[in-house]
Structure formats: structure tokens, C-alpha cells
Amino acid sequence: MSPPSRRTGRPRSVEADRAILGATRAALVELGWGKLTMGDVAARAGVAKTTLYRRWAGKSELVVDAVAAVFDEHLMSADCGSLRADIENVVVRFAELLELPETKTALMAVVAEATHDEALGARVRSAIVDRQKRLVLIGRERAQLRGELPREDDPGAAARNADLIFDVIAGSVVHRLLVSAEPVDREWAQGFSTLLLHGLAATAHPGGASAPPESGQNPAGSV
């Protein structure tokens, strides 16, 4: 049997990709979705338009990857010493990321387009949503090692819980910032973490933000 054929041609340049994705975000802020073109991005990035089309089929895919690159660069699951601190940290960092003009504009644009473009919606889920769910998985595993959360023996239930936790955190921050146009600061993040970990009753009592779960009860989102 003959060896498998290998692709020929010049390898992709990390520097060129970074320049293209940065130019895409800048162009989107300045021009908006409707006026954004592959030619404009190529000119800003200092590359040929054919270079873009070798990497992306069109501007929808390009913009999704431009957003995903920012998320990958800025959102990390830092170990802050406790589950509460980890949640508050990721909430504040996510909010800071969404407040960047290029991130806000790009994310709102692709989400709007994805409502009537099934293929684009699938790309948003795979390139942004699914990749960022790793923060939930990492944070949950860290909390389990600390003994703050119980182990989950049912993989199906664990996956559903991860989806739910991600949706609650991401949805709350996006709604607070982009729909309600209200700030997400440390105080808000502390109240949110109290609600997430201990439920509605904890937010109704002074000192609820520091009260641990009662013996025998699991924090919200755990099995």
C-alpha cells in the first residue's frame, strides 16, 4: 500500500492568523457586520485576500474564529483557593472580556446571524461554547478534589450538570451586561456566587454570602 499523500504548500503562519483575526475584530467595530468584507480584513491585516479564503470560507466563519481567539486568550480557569472564589473570578473576567468593544460587537453580530444560519450556529457552538465549557469542567474537578463538591458517578448526569452550570453563568453575565446594560463588578459577582452555591434563601439573610452549605446538603448544580 502506498503511503498516504501529504498536503503541500506553505504552512500556516501563526503571526498572519493573529493579524487577520485582530483585523477582523477591528473592522467589525468600525464598519459593522453589514459592511465588513473579506477584502477589507485582508487590507488591514496586510495579506492577500486569497490568504483569507484558504483559511475561511467566508466572513461568518472568520468572525466566529476571531471571537473564539479572544475567549481562548483571556478566559482561564485560575485556582483562587475555593469554589466561590473561582466562580467570582471567572464571572468578573468574562464581564471584562464582554466589555471590550471588539468582543461585544463581534459576539452580538455572530449570535444575531446564527439565529437564521444553522451552519453558523453550529460553528459558534463548537468554536466558542463547547470550548469555554472546559472552564466549568476544570472548576468542578478542582472543587471535587477540595471536597467542596461530590463526585458524579453518572457521566450523563455530570454532562447535563456542566451544561446547566455553564448556561447559568454565561447567560446571567451576558444578560446583565448586554441586555440590562448594568455593571458586573465584584459585589455583583459575590451575590451571584451566593445564589449559585446556596440558593435563594441564602441571599435573603445578612451574611449569606459567607455561609457554607448546611451539613448533608450539596451546593446548587451538584448531584
Protein backbone atom coordinates (compact mmCIF):
# COMPACT_ATOMS: atom_id res chain seq x y z
CA MET A 1 0.00 0.00 0.00
CA SER A 2 1.39 3.40 -0.93
CA PRO A 3 1.94 5.94 1.86
CA PRO A 4 -0.82 8.49 2.36
CA SER A 5 -0.44 11.67 0.39
CA ARG A 6 0.70 14.73 2.29
CA ARG A 7 -0.57 18.24 1.76
CA THR A 8 1.90 20.50 0.06
CA GLY A 9 2.26 24.23 0.24
CA ARG A 10 3.40 26.76 2.76
CA PRO A 11 2.47 26.12 6.40
CA ARG A 12 0.06 28.47 8.09
CA SER A 13 1.67 31.41 9.83
CA VAL A 14 0.65 31.97 13.43
CA GLU A 15 1.59 35.64 13.08
CA ALA A 16 -0.55 36.03 9.96
CA ASP A 17 -3.52 34.32 11.62
CA ARG A 18 -3.21 36.59 14.65
CA ALA A 19 -3.06 39.68 12.42
CA ILE A 20 -6.09 38.54 10.42
CA LEU A 21 -8.22 37.82 13.48
CA GLY A 22 -7.26 41.13 15.08
CA ALA A 23 -8.04 42.99 11.84
CA THR A 24 -11.42 41.25 11.70
CA ARG A 25 -12.39 42.45 15.17
CA ALA A 26 -11.20 45.99 14.44
CA ALA A 27 -13.08 46.11 11.13
CA LEU A 28 -16.25 44.81 12.72
CA VAL A 29 -16.20 47.56 15.37
CA GLU A 30 -15.61 50.25 12.77
CA LEU A 31 -17.78 49.03 9.91
CA GLY A 32 -20.40 46.74 11.46
CA TRP A 33 -21.44 43.33 10.19
CA GLY A 34 -23.16 44.54 7.02
CA LYS A 35 -20.19 46.49 5.65
CA LEU A 36 -17.47 44.10 6.74
CA THR A 37 -15.78 42.39 3.77
CA MET A 38 -13.01 39.86 3.39
CA GLY A 39 -11.16 42.37 1.22
CA ASP A 40 -11.18 45.00 3.97
CA VAL A 41 -9.88 42.50 6.51
CA ALA A 42 -7.12 41.40 4.14
CA ALA A 43 -6.03 45.00 3.58
CA ARG A 44 -5.95 45.74 7.31
CA ALA A 45 -4.00 42.57 8.03
CA GLY A 46 -1.54 43.16 5.19
CA VAL A 47 -2.26 39.84 3.44
CA ALA A 48 -3.75 38.82 0.12
CA LYS A 49 -7.48 38.12 0.03
CA THR A 50 -6.71 34.62 -1.25
CA THR A 51 -4.88 34.01 2.03
CA LEU A 52 -8.15 34.52 3.89
CA TYR A 53 -10.12 32.22 1.61
CA ARG A 54 -7.56 29.45 2.04
CA ARG A 55 -8.35 29.55 5.76
CA TRP A 56 -12.02 30.58 5.95
CA ALA A 57 -14.92 30.03 3.55
CA GLY A 58 -16.45 33.43 4.31
CA LYS A 59 -16.80 36.21 6.81
CA SER A 60 -19.16 34.30 9.12
CA GLU A 61 -16.54 31.65 9.86
CA LEU A 62 -13.83 34.30 10.10
CA VAL A 63 -15.73 36.40 12.66
CA VAL A 64 -16.56 33.35 14.80
CA ASP A 65 -12.89 32.38 14.93
CA ALA A 66 -11.94 35.99 15.73
CA VAL A 67 -14.27 35.91 18.74
CA ALA A 68 -13.12 32.44 19.79
CA ALA A 69 -9.49 33.56 19.77
CA VAL A 70 -10.21 36.35 22.26
CA PHE A 71 -12.11 33.98 24.55
CA ASP A 72 -9.29 31.43 24.44
CA GLU A 73 -6.71 34.11 25.23
CA HIS A 74 -8.49 35.91 28.07
CA LEU A 75 -10.68 33.33 29.81
CA MET A 76 -8.77 30.94 32.02
CA SER A 77 -9.71 28.82 34.99
CA ALA A 78 -7.43 30.20 37.70
CA ASP A 79 -7.25 28.40 41.03
CA CYS A 80 -8.36 31.04 43.53
CA GLY A 81 -8.45 28.67 46.52
CA SER A 82 -12.17 27.90 46.75
CA LEU A 83 -15.16 27.21 44.55
CA ARG A 84 -16.72 30.54 45.48
CA ALA A 85 -13.57 32.48 44.61
CA ASP A 86 -13.19 30.56 41.34
CA ILE A 87 -16.76 31.44 40.31
CA GLU A 88 -16.35 35.10 41.19
CA ASN A 89 -13.07 35.28 39.29
CA VAL A 90 -14.42 33.77 36.08
CA VAL A 91 -17.57 35.93 36.25
CA VAL A 92 -15.56 39.15 36.54
CA ARG A 93 -13.07 38.11 33.85
CA PHE A 94 -15.89 37.14 31.49
CA ALA A 95 -17.55 40.51 32.09
CA GLU A 96 -14.32 42.37 31.42
CA LEU A 97 -13.95 40.47 28.17
CA LEU A 98 -17.50 41.29 27.06
CA GLU A 99 -16.93 44.97 27.79
CA LEU A 100 -14.21 45.16 25.14
CA PRO A 101 -15.79 46.88 22.09
CA GLU A 102 -14.42 44.33 19.63
CA THR A 103 -15.69 41.38 21.65
CA LYS A 104 -19.12 42.83 22.31
CA THR A 105 -19.68 43.83 18.68
CA ALA A 106 -18.39 40.58 17.24
CA LEU A 107 -20.31 38.35 19.65
CA MET A 108 -23.61 40.17 19.17
CA ALA A 109 -23.15 40.06 15.39
CA VAL A 110 -22.49 36.34 15.13
CA VAL A 111 -25.26 35.45 17.59
CA ALA A 112 -27.73 37.51 15.55
CA GLU A 113 -26.63 35.91 12.30
CA ALA A 114 -26.69 32.43 13.82
CA THR A 115 -30.42 32.71 14.53
CA HIS A 116 -31.11 32.17 10.83
CA ASP A 117 -27.95 30.33 9.75
CA GLU A 118 -27.83 26.78 11.08
CA ALA A 119 -24.27 26.12 9.93
CA LEU A 120 -23.04 29.31 11.59
CA GLY A 121 -24.86 28.36 14.79
CA ALA A 122 -23.09 25.01 14.82
CA ARG A 123 -19.75 26.75 14.37
CA VAL A 124 -20.49 29.13 17.24
CA ARG A 125 -21.27 26.16 19.50
CA SER A 126 -18.15 24.23 18.54
CA ALA A 127 -15.67 27.11 18.40
CA ILE A 128 -16.90 29.19 21.34
CA VAL A 129 -19.48 27.50 23.58
CA ASP A 130 -18.08 23.97 23.73
CA ARG A 131 -14.51 25.19 24.17
CA GLN A 132 -15.44 27.52 27.02
CA LYS A 133 -17.35 24.80 28.86
CA ARG A 134 -13.94 23.45 29.79
CA LEU A 135 -13.82 26.17 32.45
CA VAL A 136 -16.82 24.55 34.15
CA LEU A 137 -15.26 21.10 33.91
CA ILE A 138 -11.91 22.27 35.28
CA GLY A 139 -13.50 24.26 38.08
CA ARG A 140 -15.80 21.40 39.04
CA GLU A 141 -12.95 18.88 39.15
CA ARG A 142 -10.90 21.25 41.30
CA ALA A 143 -13.83 21.70 43.71
CA GLN A 144 -14.29 17.92 43.90
CA LEU A 145 -10.62 17.48 44.79
CA ARG A 146 -11.05 20.04 47.57
CA GLY A 147 -14.12 18.21 48.85
CA GLU A 148 -16.43 21.14 48.07
CA LEU A 149 -18.47 19.13 45.58
CA PRO A 150 -19.28 15.41 45.49
CA ARG A 151 -18.02 13.15 42.75
CA GLU A 152 -20.52 12.43 39.98
CA ASP A 153 -20.67 8.76 39.06
CA ASP A 154 -23.20 9.11 36.25
CA PRO A 155 -21.45 10.57 33.17
CA GLY A 156 -24.76 11.58 31.61
CA ALA A 157 -25.86 13.49 34.70
CA ALA A 158 -22.42 15.07 35.02
CA ALA A 159 -22.59 16.34 31.43
CA ARG A 160 -26.09 17.75 31.94
CA ASN A 161 -24.97 19.49 35.13
CA ALA A 162 -21.97 21.01 33.33
CA ASP A 163 -24.26 22.34 30.59
CA LEU A 164 -26.64 23.80 33.16
CA ILE A 165 -23.91 25.49 35.19
CA PHE A 166 -22.33 26.95 32.06
CA ASP A 167 -25.68 28.25 30.80
CA VAL A 168 -26.50 29.84 34.16
CA ILE A 169 -23.15 31.62 34.46
CA ALA A 170 -22.73 32.70 30.85
CA GLY A 171 -26.39 33.60 30.40
CA SER A 172 -26.52 35.69 33.56
CA VAL A 173 -23.41 37.71 32.70
CA VAL A 174 -24.43 38.28 29.08
CA HIS A 175 -27.93 39.38 30.09
CA ARG A 176 -26.63 41.66 32.85
CA LEU A 177 -24.13 43.42 30.58
CA LEU A 178 -25.59 43.33 27.09
CA VAL A 179 -29.35 43.33 27.74
CA SER A 180 -29.81 45.13 31.04
CA ALA A 181 -26.70 47.29 30.48
CA GLU A 182 -25.78 47.01 34.16
CA PRO A 183 -22.25 46.53 35.55
CA VAL A 184 -20.80 43.22 36.63
CA ASP A 185 -18.48 44.16 39.48
CA ARG A 186 -17.08 42.25 42.45
CA GLU A 187 -20.15 42.98 44.57
CA TRP A 188 -22.48 41.61 41.90
CA ALA A 189 -20.21 38.59 41.40
CA GLN A 190 -20.31 37.86 45.14
CA GLY A 191 -24.10 37.99 45.22
CA PHE A 192 -24.28 35.80 42.13
CA SER A 193 -21.96 33.19 43.61
CA THR A 194 -24.08 33.10 46.78
CA LEU A 195 -27.20 32.47 44.73
CA LEU A 196 -25.48 29.81 42.63
CA LEU A 197 -23.94 27.95 45.55
CA HIS A 198 -26.62 28.24 48.23
CA GLY A 199 -29.89 29.16 46.52
CA LEU A 200 -32.42 31.90 47.01
CA ALA A 201 -32.70 31.52 50.79
CA ALA A 202 -29.05 32.49 51.33
CA THR A 203 -29.49 35.84 49.54
CA ALA A 204 -32.32 36.83 51.90
CA HIS A 205 -30.20 36.74 55.06
CA PRO A 206 -27.36 39.03 56.10
CA GLY A 207 -24.06 37.19 55.94
CA GLY A 208 -25.46 34.68 53.46
CA ALA A 209 -22.52 35.29 51.15
CA SER A 210 -20.18 33.62 53.58
CA ALA A 211 -22.46 30.93 54.94
CA PRO A 212 -21.39 27.39 53.97
CA PRO A 213 -23.94 24.80 52.87
CA GLU A 214 -25.67 23.03 55.71
CA SER A 215 -24.40 19.58 56.61
CA GLY A 216 -25.62 16.93 54.21
CA GLN A 217 -26.66 19.42 51.54
CA ASN A 218 -24.86 19.87 48.24
CA PRO A 219 -24.31 23.23 46.55
CA ALA A 220 -26.58 24.05 43.64
CA GLY A 221 -25.57 22.33 40.43
CA SER A 222 -24.11 19.28 42.14
CA VAL A 223 -25.51 15.78 42.26
